[in-house]
């Protein structure tokens, strides 16, 4: 029986034709994205679901999706898909991560021009018959300093276009290496320097806990008086109320926003201000971009449904169905080793070395490396996945090295991940035992034996008597139950490590008390 695909959002007719040409039955119902009940009622009849942003793939939808094998999102954002629920159901979720990068970058440039020359207001005035030639005094872009916050795929395209306009481009991005910055012609700076120097600021970073309100009231106060701010990335990167106040005071000369904290945005603190330009999330809205992502998602879904080939999946690496059973536990191990290192790394990452010893060296290590890099970068880049991780690391100039060795020593298979920054070099090793569960066996050369757990505390300390008792007492006093407690040290009286699994999240005040214990060098919460 031929696979069946449901298209529940508006998608290019060319995409529908691709499915048909490949021998897949396709049901085009673009209005279903707004009818959750109807979608839940019929989803059980389909092997694939092709969507854009209107359809919400919720646990309720997935619960009824008894045949569903793949969800294809024509576009980059998969906020409208419950990824954990899809993964639990064994449903592959694909996106098209690079199909609309140029379009989004061009929109930011268009907004910059519109802001610099007050084009929307001048257009409205002229069409109203006013001819207010002296009212609209704009600024040139030539020789101005453009500050880019987030210089990944889209940010680097904006930088390239801005350099063509003879602008000076500076960029703040913790993952951008000096070498990569040199290659693309931008000057890498810290955030405070960008705020102080930029005539125009444009944001091109995902929304994470670290980037939320990156332009806060405090940050806006540090900007050059008369700065112009553009956001075509994600709502929530800028404190909208603080920006509105800065526009009133004249600290900010103008703002151009395509994205908002609440969307659809029917009201907003920025609306109605004479120096604000707003568009309804048009970043990816060009004929070319819509066509590109639609064709890409149709090809990807067809390849998976007909041949088992996986590409641009956000919840599984690009591997064949035959390879999956052997790779799956090591993919989990690699991603968690990366996550462990990523959660402990606060400074710029220069390089990542991954060594595969023993039987694991004979597997498809590219998939494992992708998983490790995704885990490493995810604490800072929430929407990264195992497919996009290598290219994102490359964009930021992070060197990724792989080494394979046939002999594993004490373990049948051993994976070691080493992160190098300007200040430290940190290594962590793990293996998969016969039960298929990943384990940590070495941290910074100190042997330990611990499973990854949902909530953990990682402590480095001097090996002195009394530490364990005082540490455990603090956890007990805070009502935090210890599930497992792994200890290791390099020598008596030397460096020691405690890796503790606890029930529930670790309160910040408890962590501060642990950090204050005698002999403790570092205390960090870990979440897996």
Protein backbone atom coordinates (compact mmCIF):
# COMPACT_ATOMS: atom_id res chain seq x y z
CA UNK A 1 0.00 0.00 0.00
CA UNK A 2 1.38 3.43 -0.96
CA UNK A 3 2.22 5.79 1.91
CA UNK A 4 -0.30 8.56 2.57
CA UNK A 5 0.63 12.14 3.43
CA UNK A 6 -1.66 14.84 4.79
CA UNK A 7 -0.82 18.49 4.08
CA UNK A 8 -2.67 20.55 6.72
CA UNK A 9 -1.23 24.01 5.93
CA UNK A 10 -0.86 26.07 2.75
CA UNK A 11 2.00 24.53 0.76
CA UNK A 12 3.16 25.12 -2.79
CA UNK A 13 1.36 23.06 -5.47
CA UNK A 14 4.84 22.01 -6.65
CA UNK A 15 5.32 20.22 -3.31
CA UNK A 16 2.03 18.35 -3.77
CA UNK A 17 3.23 17.28 -7.21
CA UNK A 18 6.52 15.95 -5.80
CA UNK A 19 4.63 13.58 -3.51
CA UNK A 20 2.44 12.40 -6.40
CA UNK A 21 5.40 11.94 -8.74
CA UNK A 22 7.12 9.79 -6.11
CA UNK A 23 4.08 7.51 -5.82
CA UNK A 24 2.79 8.84 -2.51
CA UNK A 25 -0.90 9.48 -1.96
CA UNK A 26 -1.37 13.08 -0.86
CA UNK A 27 -4.37 14.77 0.75
CA UNK A 28 -4.19 18.56 0.53
CA UNK A 29 -6.38 20.17 3.23
CA UNK A 30 -4.77 23.53 4.09
CA UNK A 31 -7.63 24.63 6.37
CA UNK A 32 -7.07 21.74 8.79
CA UNK A 33 -4.26 23.56 10.59
CA UNK A 34 -6.90 25.70 12.32
CA UNK A 35 -9.25 22.80 13.10
CA UNK A 36 -7.54 20.77 15.83
CA UNK A 37 -10.50 18.49 16.46
CA UNK A 38 -10.90 17.54 12.80
CA UNK A 39 -7.13 16.98 12.46
CA UNK A 40 -7.13 14.71 15.53
CA UNK A 41 -10.07 12.81 14.05
CA UNK A 42 -8.40 11.95 10.73
CA UNK A 43 -4.65 11.90 11.49
CA UNK A 44 -4.75 8.15 12.12
CA UNK A 45 -5.14 7.57 8.36
CA UNK A 46 -1.75 9.03 7.40
CA UNK A 47 1.92 8.03 7.40
CA UNK A 48 3.18 11.59 7.00
CA UNK A 49 2.06 15.09 8.00
CA UNK A 50 3.41 18.15 6.14
CA UNK A 51 2.90 21.45 7.94
CA UNK A 52 3.94 25.08 8.19
CA UNK A 53 3.33 27.18 11.31
CA UNK A 54 -0.47 27.06 11.66
CA UNK A 55 -0.80 23.37 12.52
CA UNK A 56 -0.06 22.49 16.15
CA UNK A 57 1.19 18.92 16.54
CA UNK A 58 0.16 18.32 20.14
CA UNK A 59 0.26 15.17 22.29
CA UNK A 60 -3.48 14.80 21.59
CA UNK A 61 -2.87 14.80 17.83
CA UNK A 62 0.03 12.37 18.22
CA UNK A 63 -2.02 10.05 20.44
CA UNK A 64 -4.40 9.52 17.51
CA UNK A 65 -1.60 9.27 14.94
CA UNK A 66 -1.39 5.48 14.95
CA UNK A 67 0.26 5.26 11.50
CA UNK A 68 2.29 8.44 11.56
CA UNK A 69 6.00 8.03 10.80
CA UNK A 70 7.12 11.56 9.94
CA UNK A 71 6.16 15.20 10.46
CA UNK A 72 7.73 17.59 7.94
CA UNK A 73 7.87 21.30 8.79
CA UNK A 74 8.36 23.56 5.77
CA UNK A 75 10.54 26.13 7.55
CA UNK A 76 13.03 26.19 10.40
CA UNK A 77 10.98 26.68 13.58
CA UNK A 78 9.39 23.59 15.13
CA UNK A 79 7.87 25.34 18.16
CA UNK A 80 4.45 24.11 16.98
CA UNK A 81 5.49 20.45 17.27
CA UNK A 82 5.75 18.65 20.62
CA UNK A 83 9.17 17.08 19.97
CA UNK A 84 9.34 14.87 23.10
CA UNK A 85 5.87 13.49 22.42
CA UNK A 86 6.74 12.83 18.77
CA UNK A 87 10.00 11.13 19.76
CA UNK A 88 8.21 8.96 22.31
CA UNK A 89 5.87 7.84 19.52
CA UNK A 90 8.80 7.10 17.21
CA UNK A 91 7.78 9.90 14.83
CA UNK A 92 10.60 11.59 12.95
CA UNK A 93 10.29 15.39 12.92
CA UNK A 94 12.02 17.11 10.00
CA UNK A 95 12.48 20.78 9.17
CA UNK A 96 14.18 22.76 6.40
CA UNK A 97 16.77 24.69 8.41
CA UNK A 98 18.39 26.77 5.68
CA UNK A 99 15.61 27.29 3.11
CA UNK A 100 14.69 30.83 4.13
CA UNK A 101 17.94 32.23 5.54
CA UNK A 102 18.51 34.67 2.67
CA UNK A 103 14.92 35.89 2.76
CA UNK A 104 15.09 36.59 6.51
CA UNK A 105 18.44 38.37 6.16
CA UNK A 106 17.07 40.50 3.31
CA UNK A 107 14.07 41.47 5.43
CA UNK A 108 16.41 42.76 8.17
CA UNK A 109 18.28 44.82 5.58
CA UNK A 110 14.98 46.13 4.17
CA UNK A 111 13.88 47.11 7.69
CA UNK A 112 17.20 48.90 8.20
CA UNK A 113 16.66 50.99 5.06
CA UNK A 114 13.03 51.70 5.98
CA UNK A 115 14.11 52.82 9.45
CA UNK A 116 17.02 54.95 8.23
CA UNK A 117 14.88 56.85 5.70
CA UNK A 118 11.48 56.73 7.51
CA UNK A 119 9.96 55.18 4.41
CA UNK A 120 6.62 53.90 5.84
CA UNK A 121 5.75 57.23 7.49
CA UNK A 122 6.89 59.22 4.42
CA UNK A 123 4.79 56.98 2.16
CA UNK A 124 1.67 57.42 4.31
CA UNK A 125 2.18 61.19 4.46
CA UNK A 126 2.74 61.58 0.72
CA UNK A 127 -0.23 59.39 -0.23
CA UNK A 128 -2.34 61.54 2.10
CA UNK A 129 -1.42 64.52 -0.09
CA UNK A 130 0.75 66.32 2.49
CA UNK A 131 4.18 66.56 0.74
CA UNK A 132 6.11 66.99 4.01
CA UNK A 133 9.56 67.08 2.41
CA UNK A 134 11.27 68.73 5.40
CA UNK A 135 9.69 66.45 7.99
CA UNK A 136 11.50 63.26 7.01
CA UNK A 137 15.21 63.75 7.62
CA UNK A 138 16.86 60.35 7.43
CA UNK A 139 20.40 59.08 7.94
CA UNK A 140 22.89 57.45 5.57
CA UNK A 141 23.91 53.85 6.18
CA UNK A 142 27.34 54.26 4.59
CA UNK A 143 30.11 54.34 7.25
CA UNK A 144 27.63 53.62 10.05
CA UNK A 145 28.45 50.83 12.53
CA UNK A 146 26.08 47.87 12.42
CA UNK A 147 26.08 45.72 15.56
CA UNK A 148 24.93 42.13 14.96
CA UNK A 149 23.87 40.10 17.98
CA UNK A 150 24.12 36.48 16.84
CA UNK A 151 26.35 35.90 13.82
CA UNK A 152 25.32 32.43 12.68
CA UNK A 153 23.80 31.50 9.33
CA UNK A 154 21.41 34.46 8.97
CA UNK A 155 23.59 36.94 10.87
CA UNK A 156 26.57 36.27 8.61
CA UNK A 157 24.41 36.89 5.50
CA UNK A 158 23.29 40.22 7.01
CA UNK A 159 26.96 41.05 7.69
CA UNK A 160 27.88 40.30 4.08
CA UNK A 161 25.11 42.55 2.74
CA UNK A 162 25.99 45.33 5.20
CA UNK A 163 29.65 45.25 4.17
CA UNK A 164 28.45 45.68 0.58
CA UNK A 165 26.70 48.84 1.77
CA UNK A 166 30.08 50.09 3.08
CA UNK A 167 29.03 49.77 6.71
CA UNK A 168 31.35 48.87 9.58
CA UNK A 169 30.17 45.57 11.07
CA UNK A 170 30.78 44.40 14.63
CA UNK A 171 29.31 41.22 16.09
CA UNK A 172 28.62 39.71 19.49
CA UNK A 173 28.34 35.92 19.45
CA UNK A 174 30.00 33.67 22.07
CA UNK A 175 30.29 30.91 19.46
CA UNK A 176 31.94 33.06 16.79
CA UNK A 177 35.67 32.42 16.66
CA UNK A 178 38.11 35.25 15.83
CA UNK A 179 39.15 33.29 12.72
CA UNK A 180 35.57 33.00 11.46
CA UNK A 181 34.96 36.68 12.22
CA UNK A 182 38.01 37.56 10.12
CA UNK A 183 36.78 35.35 7.26
CA UNK A 184 33.39 37.07 7.06
CA UNK A 185 34.81 40.56 7.57
CA UNK A 186 33.35 41.44 10.97
CA UNK A 187 34.96 42.55 14.20
CA UNK A 188 34.12 40.30 17.15
CA UNK A 189 33.29 42.27 20.30
CA UNK A 190 31.70 41.74 23.70
CA UNK A 191 28.08 42.83 24.18
CA UNK A 192 28.85 45.99 26.17
CA UNK A 193 31.24 47.21 23.45
CA UNK A 194 28.64 46.50 20.75
CA UNK A 195 26.03 48.46 22.69
CA UNK A 196 28.39 51.43 23.10
CA UNK A 197 29.57 51.54 19.46
CA UNK A 198 26.67 50.48 17.23
CA UNK A 199 24.60 53.03 15.33
CA UNK A 200 22.20 50.26 14.35
CA UNK A 201 21.67 46.96 16.21
CA UNK A 202 20.13 43.90 14.57
CA UNK A 203 19.38 40.62 16.34
CA UNK A 204 19.86 37.19 14.77
CA UNK A 205 19.97 34.74 17.65
CA UNK A 206 17.56 32.04 18.84
CA UNK A 207 15.48 32.66 21.96
CA UNK A 208 17.05 30.79 24.91
CA UNK A 209 17.32 31.42 28.64
CA UNK A 210 20.64 33.15 27.93
CA UNK A 211 19.34 35.40 25.13
CA UNK A 212 15.90 36.28 26.53
CA UNK A 213 15.81 40.09 26.97
CA UNK A 214 19.43 40.34 25.81
CA UNK A 215 18.40 43.93 25.09
CA UNK A 216 17.01 44.62 28.57
CA UNK A 217 16.36 48.06 30.06
CA UNK A 218 19.89 47.95 31.48
CA UNK A 219 21.40 46.98 28.10
CA UNK A 220 19.42 49.63 26.20
CA UNK A 221 20.70 52.25 28.65
CA UNK A 222 24.26 51.36 27.56
CA UNK A 223 23.57 51.98 23.87
CA UNK A 224 24.76 54.98 21.89
CA UNK A 225 22.14 57.74 22.08
CA UNK A 226 20.06 57.68 18.89
CA UNK A 227 20.63 53.99 18.15
CA UNK A 228 18.20 52.15 15.87
CA UNK A 229 17.17 48.59 16.77
CA UNK A 230 15.96 45.84 14.39
CA UNK A 231 14.54 42.47 15.41
CA UNK A 232 13.64 39.97 12.70
CA UNK A 233 14.70 36.95 14.76
CA UNK A 234 12.51 36.04 17.74
CA UNK A 235 10.10 37.88 20.00
CA UNK A 236 11.45 38.12 23.54
CA UNK A 237 15.04 39.07 22.66
CA UNK A 238 14.20 42.70 23.46
CA UNK A 239 12.31 44.04 26.49
CA UNK A 240 9.49 45.69 24.54
CA UNK A 241 8.31 47.92 27.40
CA UNK A 242 11.87 49.12 28.06
CA UNK A 243 12.36 49.81 24.37
CA UNK A 244 9.12 51.83 24.23
CA UNK A 245 10.38 53.95 27.15
CA UNK A 246 13.76 54.43 25.44
CA UNK A 247 11.99 55.57 22.27
CA UNK A 248 10.04 58.13 24.31
CA UNK A 249 13.20 59.44 25.98
CA UNK A 250 15.11 59.65 22.69
CA UNK A 251 17.78 57.16 23.79
CA UNK A 252 16.61 55.00 20.86
CA UNK A 253 15.88 56.87 17.63
CA UNK A 254 13.80 54.13 16.03
CA UNK A 255 12.94 50.44 15.99
CA UNK A 256 11.85 48.00 13.31
CA UNK A 257 10.29 44.73 14.51
CA UNK A 258 9.05 41.71 12.60
CA UNK A 259 8.63 39.51 15.70
CA UNK A 260 6.95 40.04 19.05
CA UNK A 261 6.68 38.41 22.48
CA UNK A 262 3.03 37.58 21.80
CA UNK A 263 1.98 36.58 18.28
CA UNK A 264 -0.33 37.21 16.55
CA UNK A 265 0.39 40.71 17.91
CA UNK A 266 -2.86 42.64 18.01
CA UNK A 267 -1.54 45.02 20.67
CA UNK A 268 2.00 45.79 21.79
CA UNK A 269 3.92 48.50 23.71
CA UNK A 270 5.66 49.46 20.45
CA UNK A 271 2.51 49.95 18.39
CA UNK A 272 1.58 53.52 17.55
CA UNK A 273 4.98 55.07 18.15
CA UNK A 274 5.95 57.35 15.24
CA UNK A 275 9.50 55.95 15.07
CA UNK A 276 8.54 52.29 15.04
CA UNK A 277 8.04 50.07 11.99
CA UNK A 278 6.22 46.76 12.48
CA UNK A 279 5.59 43.85 10.13
CA UNK A 280 3.63 40.64 10.88
CA UNK A 281 6.47 38.07 11.07
CA UNK A 282 7.32 38.33 7.36
CA UNK A 283 10.94 37.17 7.72
CA UNK A 284 10.44 34.06 5.60
CA UNK A 285 7.61 35.41 3.47
CA UNK A 286 8.88 35.55 -0.08
CA UNK A 287 7.78 33.47 -3.03
CA UNK A 288 11.26 31.98 -3.36
CA UNK A 289 11.58 31.02 0.30
CA UNK A 290 8.10 29.48 0.46
CA UNK A 291 8.80 27.48 -2.68
CA UNK A 292 12.23 26.36 -1.46
CA UNK A 293 11.08 25.05 1.91
CA UNK A 294 7.97 23.39 0.44
CA UNK A 295 9.98 21.50 -2.18
CA UNK A 296 12.62 20.53 0.36
CA UNK A 297 10.17 19.12 2.87
CA UNK A 298 8.33 17.12 0.19
CA UNK A 299 11.60 15.57 -1.02
CA UNK A 300 12.77 14.76 2.51
CA UNK A 301 9.48 13.18 3.56
CA UNK A 302 9.29 11.14 0.36
CA UNK A 303 12.84 9.86 0.83
CA UNK A 304 12.03 8.73 4.35
CA UNK A 305 8.68 7.12 3.60
CA UNK A 306 9.92 5.28 0.50
CA UNK A 307 13.57 4.51 1.30
CA UNK A 308 14.05 5.05 5.03
CA UNK A 309 16.52 7.87 4.46
CA UNK A 310 16.46 10.54 7.18
CA UNK A 311 17.65 14.10 6.57
CA UNK A 312 17.26 17.34 8.54
CA UNK A 313 15.56 15.54 11.41
CA UNK A 314 15.41 17.47 14.67
CA UNK A 315 15.01 14.39 16.84
CA UNK A 316 17.16 11.79 15.08
CA UNK A 317 20.41 11.82 13.09
CA UNK A 318 20.68 11.11 9.39
CA UNK A 319 21.07 7.35 9.42
CA UNK A 320 19.38 4.38 7.83
CA UNK A 321 16.87 2.16 9.56
CA UNK A 322 19.34 -0.77 9.53
CA UNK A 323 21.97 1.21 11.43
CA UNK A 324 19.59 2.60 14.05
CA UNK A 325 19.53 -0.25 16.65
CA UNK A 326 23.34 -0.32 17.10
CA UNK A 327 23.75 3.43 17.00
CA UNK A 328 20.86 4.51 19.21
CA UNK A 329 22.45 3.98 22.68
CA UNK A 330 25.72 5.54 21.55
CA UNK A 331 23.86 8.53 20.08
CA UNK A 332 22.29 9.02 23.50
CA UNK A 333 25.71 8.69 25.15
CA UNK A 334 27.37 11.17 22.77
CA UNK A 335 24.60 13.75 23.15
CA UNK A 336 24.68 13.52 26.94
CA UNK A 337 28.46 13.77 27.08
CA UNK A 338 28.13 16.92 24.96
CA UNK A 339 25.35 18.27 27.16
CA UNK A 340 27.45 17.62 30.27
CA UNK A 341 30.32 19.66 28.84
CA UNK A 342 28.04 22.34 27.40
CA UNK A 343 26.31 22.99 30.71
CA UNK A 344 29.70 23.51 32.38
CA UNK A 345 31.20 25.75 29.67
CA UNK A 346 30.54 29.49 29.95
CA UNK A 347 33.28 30.81 27.67
CA UNK A 348 33.96 30.67 23.92
CA UNK A 349 34.56 27.15 22.61
CA UNK A 350 37.58 26.93 20.33
CA UNK A 351 37.56 23.22 19.53
CA UNK A 352 35.98 19.87 20.33
CA UNK A 353 37.87 16.58 20.18
CA UNK A 354 35.93 13.31 20.21
CA UNK A 355 37.77 10.01 20.49
CA UNK A 356 36.06 6.69 19.74
CA UNK A 357 37.84 3.65 21.20
CA UNK A 358 36.94 0.01 20.58
CA UNK A 359 33.82 -1.35 18.91
CA UNK A 360 32.15 2.08 18.69
CA UNK A 361 34.90 3.18 16.29
CA UNK A 362 33.35 0.90 13.65
CA UNK A 363 29.94 2.62 13.77
CA UNK A 364 28.83 5.70 11.80
CA UNK A 365 30.70 8.17 13.96
CA UNK A 366 29.50 11.22 12.01
CA UNK A 367 26.06 10.70 13.51
CA UNK A 368 27.61 10.32 16.96
CA UNK A 369 29.73 13.45 16.54
CA UNK A 370 26.67 15.40 15.38
CA UNK A 371 24.81 14.26 18.49
CA UNK A 372 27.74 15.25 20.74
CA UNK A 373 28.06 18.71 19.17
CA UNK A 374 24.28 19.24 19.37
CA UNK A 375 24.36 18.37 23.07
CA UNK A 376 27.34 20.67 23.60
CA UNK A 377 25.78 23.73 21.92
CA UNK A 378 22.15 23.24 22.97
CA UNK A 379 22.44 25.03 26.36
CA UNK A 380 23.15 28.23 24.39
CA UNK A 381 21.31 27.46 21.13
CA UNK A 382 18.05 25.79 22.05
CA UNK A 383 16.84 25.05 18.51
CA UNK A 384 20.01 23.25 17.44
CA UNK A 385 19.64 19.61 16.38
CA UNK A 386 21.85 16.71 15.36
CA UNK A 387 21.53 17.66 11.70
CA UNK A 388 22.33 21.35 11.94
CA UNK A 389 24.97 21.02 14.70
CA UNK A 390 28.04 20.45 12.47
CA UNK A 391 27.26 23.36 10.14
CA UNK A 392 26.46 25.68 13.06
CA UNK A 393 29.75 24.73 14.74
CA UNK A 394 31.55 25.43 11.46
CA UNK A 395 29.82 28.81 11.06
CA UNK A 396 31.12 29.79 14.48
CA UNK A 397 34.64 28.61 13.74
CA UNK A 398 34.56 25.74 16.26
CA UNK A 399 37.01 23.05 15.16
CA UNK A 400 35.59 19.53 15.53
CA UNK A 401 38.12 16.69 15.50
CA UNK A 402 37.37 12.95 15.43
CA UNK A 403 39.78 10.15 16.31
CA UNK A 404 39.08 6.41 16.13
CA UNK A 405 41.11 3.65 17.78
CA UNK A 406 40.37 -0.05 17.59
CA UNK A 407 41.55 -0.87 21.12
CA UNK A 408 39.40 0.41 24.00
CA UNK A 409 41.39 -0.66 27.07
CA UNK A 410 39.10 -1.34 30.03
CA UNK A 411 35.89 -1.05 28.01
CA UNK A 412 34.55 -2.68 24.87
CA UNK A 413 33.65 0.83 23.66
CA UNK A 414 34.67 4.21 25.03
CA UNK A 415 33.72 7.72 23.86
CA UNK A 416 35.78 10.67 25.13
CA UNK A 417 34.75 14.27 24.52
CA UNK A 418 37.24 17.10 25.11
CA UNK A 419 36.25 20.76 24.98
CA UNK A 420 38.93 23.42 24.56
CA UNK A 421 38.26 27.09 25.39
CA UNK A 422 40.57 30.07 25.89
CA UNK A 423 40.83 29.19 29.58
CA UNK A 424 40.31 25.46 30.08
CA UNK A 425 40.44 22.03 28.54
CA UNK A 426 37.82 19.64 29.92
CA UNK A 427 37.39 15.94 29.09
CA UNK A 428 34.63 13.49 29.91
CA UNK A 429 34.42 9.81 28.94
CA UNK A 430 31.49 7.42 28.82
CA UNK A 431 30.45 4.00 27.67
CA UNK A 432 27.36 1.88 27.11
CA UNK A 433 27.06 -1.25 29.23
CA UNK A 434 25.21 -4.42 28.28
CA UNK A 435 21.92 -2.96 29.59
CA UNK A 436 22.11 -0.31 26.85
CA UNK A 437 22.30 2.59 29.32
CA UNK A 438 24.99 5.27 28.91
CA UNK A 439 27.35 5.83 31.82
CA UNK A 440 30.01 8.36 32.78
CA UNK A 441 33.32 6.63 33.60
CA UNK A 442 35.87 9.45 33.65
CA UNK A 443 35.83 13.23 34.22
CA UNK A 444 39.05 15.21 33.75
CA UNK A 445 41.12 12.07 34.26
CA UNK A 446 39.32 11.12 37.48
CA UNK A 447 37.54 7.77 37.38
CA UNK A 448 33.87 7.80 38.33
CA UNK A 449 30.90 5.53 37.68
CA UNK A 450 27.58 7.31 37.23
CA UNK A 451 24.49 7.18 35.07
CA UNK A 452 23.04 10.34 33.54
CA UNK A 453 19.99 11.44 35.52
CA UNK A 454 17.31 14.11 34.96
CA UNK A 455 18.69 16.34 37.75
CA UNK A 456 22.25 16.25 39.06
CA UNK A 457 24.78 18.35 40.98
CA UNK A 458 28.41 18.39 39.83
CA UNK A 459 30.99 19.46 42.41
CA UNK A 460 34.77 19.77 42.14
CA UNK A 461 36.63 20.10 45.41
CA UNK A 462 39.86 19.45 47.25
CA UNK A 463 39.95 15.94 48.71
CA UNK A 464 39.64 16.78 52.41
CA UNK A 465 37.85 14.93 55.24
CA UNK A 466 34.35 16.11 56.13
CA UNK A 467 33.27 17.36 52.72
CA UNK A 468 30.81 14.55 52.00
CA UNK A 469 29.07 14.94 55.37
CA UNK A 470 28.72 18.71 55.08
CA UNK A 471 27.53 18.43 51.46
CA UNK A 472 24.93 15.76 52.26
CA UNK A 473 23.71 17.75 55.27
CA UNK A 474 23.08 20.80 53.08
CA UNK A 475 21.00 18.72 50.69
CA UNK A 476 19.09 17.18 53.57
CA UNK A 477 18.42 20.57 55.16
CA UNK A 478 17.05 21.78 51.81
CA UNK A 479 14.72 18.77 51.57
CA UNK A 480 16.48 17.50 48.47
CA UNK A 481 16.68 13.72 48.36
CA UNK A 482 19.87 12.03 47.10
CA UNK A 483 19.19 9.22 44.62
CA UNK A 484 22.80 8.28 43.78
CA UNK A 485 26.18 9.62 44.89
CA UNK A 486 29.32 9.04 42.77
CA UNK A 487 32.76 10.11 44.01
CA UNK A 488 36.21 10.14 42.45
CA UNK A 489 39.64 11.65 43.08
CA UNK A 490 42.99 11.76 41.33
CA UNK A 491 44.98 11.06 44.51
CA UNK A 492 44.66 11.32 48.29
CA UNK A 493 44.34 14.97 49.23
CA UNK A 494 44.23 16.01 45.56
CA UNK A 495 41.39 17.00 43.25
CA UNK A 496 38.04 15.28 43.79
CA UNK A 497 34.69 15.11 42.04
CA UNK A 498 31.19 14.47 43.33
CA UNK A 499 28.38 13.70 40.90
CA UNK A 500 25.07 13.47 42.69
CA UNK A 501 21.64 12.54 41.34
CA UNK A 502 18.86 14.31 43.23
CA UNK A 503 15.07 14.19 43.14
CA UNK A 504 13.87 17.49 41.68
CA UNK A 505 15.51 20.68 40.48
CA UNK A 506 18.37 22.25 42.45
CA UNK A 507 17.43 25.61 44.07
CA UNK A 508 19.91 28.44 43.39
CA UNK A 509 20.20 29.24 47.10
CA UNK A 510 21.25 25.64 47.85
CA UNK A 511 23.86 25.77 45.10
CA UNK A 512 25.27 28.96 46.62
CA UNK A 513 25.61 27.23 49.99
CA UNK A 514 27.37 24.26 48.39
CA UNK A 515 29.70 26.68 46.59
CA UNK A 516 30.49 28.23 49.96
CA UNK A 517 31.65 24.98 51.56
CA UNK A 518 35.36 24.84 52.45
CA UNK A 519 37.44 23.15 49.72
CA UNK A 520 34.70 23.44 47.04
CA UNK A 521 36.01 24.89 43.76
CA UNK A 522 32.89 24.61 41.61
CA UNK A 523 29.24 23.54 42.01
CA UNK A 524 26.92 23.34 39.02
CA UNK A 525 23.42 21.94 38.41
CA UNK A 526 23.05 19.56 35.46
CA UNK A 527 19.83 18.65 33.68
CA UNK A 528 19.52 15.72 31.25
